[in-house]
């Protein structure tokens, strides 16, 4: 089991409704929150650090993930400026399963 799955299971020990209600009760309605501030507040409401580490891991990444394999599986061809649909049967089928027929 990976770290994110473990942390997700820990989050589920509290009910979503209770967490959401508690979060709403603790956020000023007129204030704008950055994503980092919201994650910090959610950690305080949860009572332990879970959202900030995930935010740092998945949102504040030092580089964009390599998507070449994902593009290949979806039947997409890429160059430095664009993506194009390939004629790959498996990728075409997967795209249609996800998006439906065009």
N, C-alpha and C. Protein backbone atom coordinates (compact mmCIF):
# COMPACT_ATOMS: atom_id res chain seq x y z
N UNK A 1 0.86 -1.18 0.00
CA UNK A 1 0.00 0.00 0.00
C UNK A 1 0.90 1.24 0.00
N UNK A 2 0.62 2.20 -0.88
CA UNK A 2 1.47 3.38 -0.94
C UNK A 2 1.06 4.41 0.12
N UNK A 3 1.92 5.42 0.27
CA UNK A 3 1.71 6.44 1.30
C UNK A 3 0.38 7.16 1.12
N UNK A 4 0.05 7.53 -0.11
CA UNK A 4 -1.21 8.26 -0.35
C UNK A 4 -2.40 7.41 0.05
N UNK A 5 -2.38 6.11 -0.27
CA UNK A 5 -3.50 5.23 0.10
C UNK A 5 -3.60 5.10 1.61
N UNK A 6 -2.47 4.99 2.29
CA UNK A 6 -2.47 4.91 3.75
C UNK A 6 -3.05 6.17 4.35
N UNK A 7 -2.61 7.32 3.83
CA UNK A 7 -3.11 8.59 4.34
C UNK A 7 -4.60 8.74 4.04
N UNK A 8 -5.03 8.28 2.88
CA UNK A 8 -6.44 8.34 2.53
C UNK A 8 -7.27 7.52 3.50
N UNK A 9 -6.79 6.33 3.84
CA UNK A 9 -7.51 5.50 4.80
C UNK A 9 -7.59 6.18 6.16
N UNK A 10 -6.51 6.87 6.54
CA UNK A 10 -6.51 7.58 7.82
C UNK A 10 -7.55 8.69 7.81
N UNK A 11 -7.67 9.36 6.68
CA UNK A 11 -8.67 10.43 6.55
C UNK A 11 -10.06 9.87 6.74
N UNK A 12 -10.29 8.68 6.22
CA UNK A 12 -11.62 8.07 6.28
C UNK A 12 -12.04 7.65 7.67
N UNK A 13 -11.15 7.75 8.67
CA UNK A 13 -11.55 7.40 10.02
C UNK A 13 -12.53 8.44 10.58
N UNK A 14 -12.54 9.61 10.02
CA UNK A 14 -13.50 10.64 10.41
C UNK A 14 -14.54 10.71 9.29
N UNK A 15 -15.77 11.03 9.60
CA UNK A 15 -16.77 11.08 8.54
C UNK A 15 -16.59 12.35 7.71
N UNK A 16 -16.88 12.24 6.44
CA UNK A 16 -16.75 13.37 5.53
C UNK A 16 -17.64 14.52 5.97
N UNK A 17 -18.84 14.21 6.37
CA UNK A 17 -19.78 15.25 6.78
C UNK A 17 -19.25 16.00 8.00
N UNK A 18 -18.73 15.29 8.98
CA UNK A 18 -18.19 15.93 10.18
C UNK A 18 -16.99 16.79 9.82
N UNK A 19 -16.09 16.27 8.98
CA UNK A 19 -14.91 17.03 8.57
C UNK A 19 -15.32 18.30 7.85
N UNK A 20 -16.26 18.17 6.90
CA UNK A 20 -16.69 19.32 6.11
C UNK A 20 -17.36 20.37 6.99
N UNK A 21 -18.22 19.93 7.89
CA UNK A 21 -18.91 20.85 8.78
C UNK A 21 -17.90 21.58 9.67
N UNK A 22 -16.95 20.84 10.21
CA UNK A 22 -15.93 21.43 11.06
C UNK A 22 -15.08 22.42 10.27
N UNK A 23 -14.72 22.06 9.06
CA UNK A 23 -13.94 22.96 8.23
C UNK A 23 -14.71 24.24 7.94
N UNK A 24 -15.96 24.11 7.55
CA UNK A 24 -16.79 25.28 7.25
C UNK A 24 -16.97 26.17 8.48
N UNK A 25 -17.12 25.56 9.65
CA UNK A 25 -17.29 26.33 10.88
C UNK A 25 -16.03 27.11 11.24
N UNK A 26 -14.88 26.66 10.74
CA UNK A 26 -13.61 27.27 11.10
C UNK A 26 -13.04 28.21 10.03
N UNK A 27 -13.71 28.34 8.91
CA UNK A 27 -13.22 29.23 7.86
C UNK A 27 -14.06 30.50 7.80
N UNK A 28 -13.40 31.66 7.85
CA UNK A 28 -14.16 32.90 7.67
C UNK A 28 -14.77 32.95 6.27
N UNK A 29 -15.98 33.41 6.17
CA UNK A 29 -16.67 33.37 4.88
C UNK A 29 -16.19 34.44 3.92
N UNK A 30 -15.66 35.54 4.40
CA UNK A 30 -15.24 36.65 3.53
C UNK A 30 -13.78 36.55 3.10
N UNK A 31 -13.01 35.70 3.73
CA UNK A 31 -11.57 35.62 3.45
C UNK A 31 -11.30 34.70 2.27
N UNK A 32 -10.34 35.11 1.43
CA UNK A 32 -9.88 34.24 0.34
C UNK A 32 -8.69 33.44 0.86
N UNK A 33 -8.67 32.16 0.55
CA UNK A 33 -7.62 31.28 1.03
C UNK A 33 -6.81 30.75 -0.16
N UNK A 34 -5.51 30.76 0.00
CA UNK A 34 -4.68 30.09 -1.00
C UNK A 34 -4.84 28.58 -0.78
N UNK A 35 -4.44 27.81 -1.75
CA UNK A 35 -4.52 26.35 -1.61
C UNK A 35 -3.69 25.88 -0.42
N UNK A 36 -2.49 26.44 -0.25
CA UNK A 36 -1.62 26.04 0.86
C UNK A 36 -2.26 26.37 2.20
N UNK A 37 -2.89 27.55 2.30
CA UNK A 37 -3.56 27.93 3.55
C UNK A 37 -4.73 26.99 3.85
N UNK A 38 -5.49 26.64 2.82
CA UNK A 38 -6.62 25.74 3.01
C UNK A 38 -6.14 24.36 3.47
N UNK A 39 -5.06 23.87 2.89
CA UNK A 39 -4.53 22.56 3.29
C UNK A 39 -4.06 22.59 4.75
N UNK A 40 -3.44 23.71 5.17
CA UNK A 40 -3.02 23.85 6.56
C UNK A 40 -4.23 23.84 7.49
N UNK A 41 -5.26 24.55 7.11
CA UNK A 41 -6.49 24.59 7.92
C UNK A 41 -7.12 23.20 7.99
N UNK A 42 -7.14 22.48 6.88
CA UNK A 42 -7.73 21.15 6.87
C UNK A 42 -6.93 20.19 7.77
N UNK A 43 -5.61 20.35 7.79
CA UNK A 43 -4.79 19.54 8.71
C UNK A 43 -5.13 19.85 10.16
N UNK A 44 -5.34 21.13 10.47
CA UNK A 44 -5.70 21.50 11.85
C UNK A 44 -7.05 20.89 12.22
N UNK A 45 -8.01 20.92 11.31
CA UNK A 45 -9.32 20.35 11.57
C UNK A 45 -9.22 18.83 11.74
N UNK A 46 -8.42 18.18 10.88
CA UNK A 46 -8.27 16.73 10.97
C UNK A 46 -7.52 16.32 12.23
N UNK A 47 -6.66 17.21 12.73
CA UNK A 47 -5.91 16.90 13.94
C UNK A 47 -4.56 16.27 13.70
N UNK A 48 -4.16 16.14 12.46
CA UNK A 48 -2.84 15.62 12.14
C UNK A 48 -2.48 16.05 10.71
N UNK A 49 -1.20 15.96 10.38
CA UNK A 49 -0.73 16.38 9.07
C UNK A 49 -1.00 15.31 8.02
N UNK A 50 -1.89 15.65 7.09
CA UNK A 50 -2.17 14.74 5.98
C UNK A 50 -2.33 15.52 4.68
N UNK A 51 -3.02 16.63 4.69
CA UNK A 51 -3.29 17.38 3.48
C UNK A 51 -2.09 18.17 2.99
N UNK A 52 -1.36 18.82 3.89
CA UNK A 52 -0.19 19.59 3.48
C UNK A 52 0.87 18.69 2.83
N UNK A 53 1.20 17.53 3.43
CA UNK A 53 2.17 16.66 2.75
C UNK A 53 1.71 16.22 1.36
N UNK A 54 0.42 15.91 1.22
CA UNK A 54 -0.09 15.51 -0.10
C UNK A 54 -0.06 16.69 -1.07
N UNK A 55 -0.40 17.87 -0.58
CA UNK A 55 -0.36 19.08 -1.40
C UNK A 55 1.07 19.32 -1.90
N UNK A 56 2.02 19.22 -0.99
CA UNK A 56 3.43 19.43 -1.39
C UNK A 56 3.89 18.37 -2.38
N UNK A 57 3.44 17.15 -2.17
CA UNK A 57 3.87 16.05 -3.02
C UNK A 57 3.29 16.12 -4.43
N UNK A 58 1.99 16.45 -4.52
CA UNK A 58 1.33 16.37 -5.82
C UNK A 58 1.07 17.71 -6.50
N UNK A 59 1.01 18.78 -5.74
CA UNK A 59 0.71 20.08 -6.35
C UNK A 59 1.97 20.92 -6.51
N UNK A 60 2.79 20.94 -5.51
CA UNK A 60 3.99 21.77 -5.53
C UNK A 60 5.17 20.88 -5.96
N UNK A 61 5.04 20.27 -7.11
CA UNK A 61 6.09 19.39 -7.61
C UNK A 61 7.18 20.23 -8.29
N UNK A 62 8.42 19.78 -8.17
CA UNK A 62 9.50 20.54 -8.79
C UNK A 62 9.48 20.47 -10.32
N UNK A 63 8.85 19.44 -10.89
CA UNK A 63 8.77 19.34 -12.34
C UNK A 63 7.46 18.65 -12.73
N UNK A 64 7.06 18.88 -13.95
CA UNK A 64 5.85 18.26 -14.48
C UNK A 64 6.15 16.79 -14.76
N UNK A 65 5.23 15.89 -14.44
CA UNK A 65 5.51 14.46 -14.66
C UNK A 65 5.65 14.13 -16.15
N UNK A 66 6.44 13.12 -16.43
CA UNK A 66 6.62 12.64 -17.79
C UNK A 66 5.37 11.88 -18.20
N UNK A 67 4.72 12.32 -19.27
CA UNK A 67 3.46 11.72 -19.71
C UNK A 67 3.59 10.88 -20.97
N UNK A 68 4.82 10.63 -21.42
CA UNK A 68 5.01 9.89 -22.68
C UNK A 68 4.29 8.55 -22.68
N UNK A 69 4.43 7.78 -21.61
CA UNK A 69 3.79 6.46 -21.56
C UNK A 69 2.26 6.59 -21.52
N UNK A 70 1.76 7.57 -20.79
CA UNK A 70 0.31 7.81 -20.74
C UNK A 70 -0.21 8.17 -22.11
N UNK A 71 0.50 9.07 -22.79
CA UNK A 71 0.10 9.45 -24.15
C UNK A 71 0.10 8.23 -25.07
N UNK A 72 1.14 7.40 -24.96
CA UNK A 72 1.23 6.21 -25.81
C UNK A 72 0.04 5.29 -25.57
N UNK A 73 -0.29 5.07 -24.29
CA UNK A 73 -1.42 4.19 -23.96
C UNK A 73 -2.75 4.73 -24.48
N UNK A 74 -2.86 6.05 -24.53
CA UNK A 74 -4.09 6.68 -25.03
C UNK A 74 -4.10 6.84 -26.55
N UNK A 75 -3.03 6.37 -27.19
CA UNK A 75 -2.97 6.50 -28.64
C UNK A 75 -2.77 7.93 -29.08
N UNK A 76 -1.94 8.64 -28.35
CA UNK A 76 -1.61 10.02 -28.70
C UNK A 76 -0.14 10.10 -29.08
N UNK A 77 0.15 10.88 -30.09
CA UNK A 77 1.52 11.14 -30.49
C UNK A 77 1.85 12.56 -30.10
N UNK A 78 3.04 12.77 -29.56
CA UNK A 78 3.40 14.11 -29.11
C UNK A 78 4.71 14.55 -29.72
N UNK A 79 4.80 15.85 -29.91
CA UNK A 79 6.09 16.47 -30.18
C UNK A 79 6.18 17.63 -29.21
N UNK A 80 7.11 18.49 -29.37
CA UNK A 80 7.31 19.54 -28.36
C UNK A 80 6.16 20.54 -28.30
N UNK A 81 5.33 20.62 -29.34
CA UNK A 81 4.29 21.65 -29.37
C UNK A 81 2.85 21.16 -29.40
N UNK A 82 2.63 19.87 -29.69
CA UNK A 82 1.25 19.45 -29.86
C UNK A 82 1.06 17.96 -29.62
N UNK A 83 -0.19 17.59 -29.45
CA UNK A 83 -0.59 16.19 -29.36
C UNK A 83 -1.49 15.90 -30.56
N UNK A 84 -1.35 14.69 -31.10
CA UNK A 84 -2.21 14.25 -32.21
C UNK A 84 -2.71 12.86 -31.91
N UNK A 85 -3.92 12.58 -32.36
CA UNK A 85 -4.45 11.23 -32.24
C UNK A 85 -3.68 10.32 -33.19
N UNK A 86 -3.29 9.15 -32.69
CA UNK A 86 -2.66 8.17 -33.56
C UNK A 86 -3.73 7.20 -34.05
N UNK A 87 -3.34 6.32 -34.94
CA UNK A 87 -4.26 5.30 -35.44
C UNK A 87 -4.12 4.00 -34.67
N UNK A 88 -3.43 4.04 -33.56
CA UNK A 88 -3.22 2.86 -32.73
C UNK A 88 -4.57 2.33 -32.25
N UNK A 89 -4.87 1.06 -32.55
CA UNK A 89 -6.18 0.47 -32.26
C UNK A 89 -6.45 0.45 -30.76
N UNK A 90 -5.48 0.02 -29.98
CA UNK A 90 -5.69 -0.07 -28.53
C UNK A 90 -5.92 1.32 -27.93
N UNK A 91 -5.10 2.29 -28.33
CA UNK A 91 -5.27 3.66 -27.82
C UNK A 91 -6.59 4.26 -28.25
N UNK A 92 -6.97 4.03 -29.49
CA UNK A 92 -8.25 4.54 -30.00
C UNK A 92 -9.41 3.95 -29.21
N UNK A 93 -9.35 2.65 -28.96
CA UNK A 93 -10.40 1.97 -28.19
C UNK A 93 -10.48 2.54 -26.78
N UNK A 94 -9.33 2.73 -26.15
CA UNK A 94 -9.31 3.29 -24.80
C UNK A 94 -9.87 4.70 -24.78
N UNK A 95 -9.47 5.52 -25.72
CA UNK A 95 -10.03 6.89 -25.80
C UNK A 95 -11.54 6.85 -25.94
N UNK A 96 -12.05 5.98 -26.79
CA UNK A 96 -13.51 5.88 -27.00
C UNK A 96 -14.20 5.38 -25.74
N UNK A 97 -13.56 4.45 -25.03
CA UNK A 97 -14.15 3.96 -23.77
C UNK A 97 -14.24 5.08 -22.74
N UNK A 98 -13.25 5.95 -22.73
CA UNK A 98 -13.23 7.06 -21.76
C UNK A 98 -14.18 8.18 -22.18
N UNK A 99 -14.11 8.57 -23.44
CA UNK A 99 -14.81 9.77 -23.89
C UNK A 99 -16.09 9.49 -24.67
N UNK A 100 -16.27 8.27 -25.14
CA UNK A 100 -17.41 7.98 -26.00
C UNK A 100 -17.07 8.25 -27.45
N UNK A 101 -17.92 7.82 -28.32
CA UNK A 101 -17.70 8.02 -29.75
C UNK A 101 -17.82 9.49 -30.09
N UNK A 102 -17.07 9.92 -31.07
CA UNK A 102 -17.14 11.32 -31.54
C UNK A 102 -18.17 11.44 -32.62
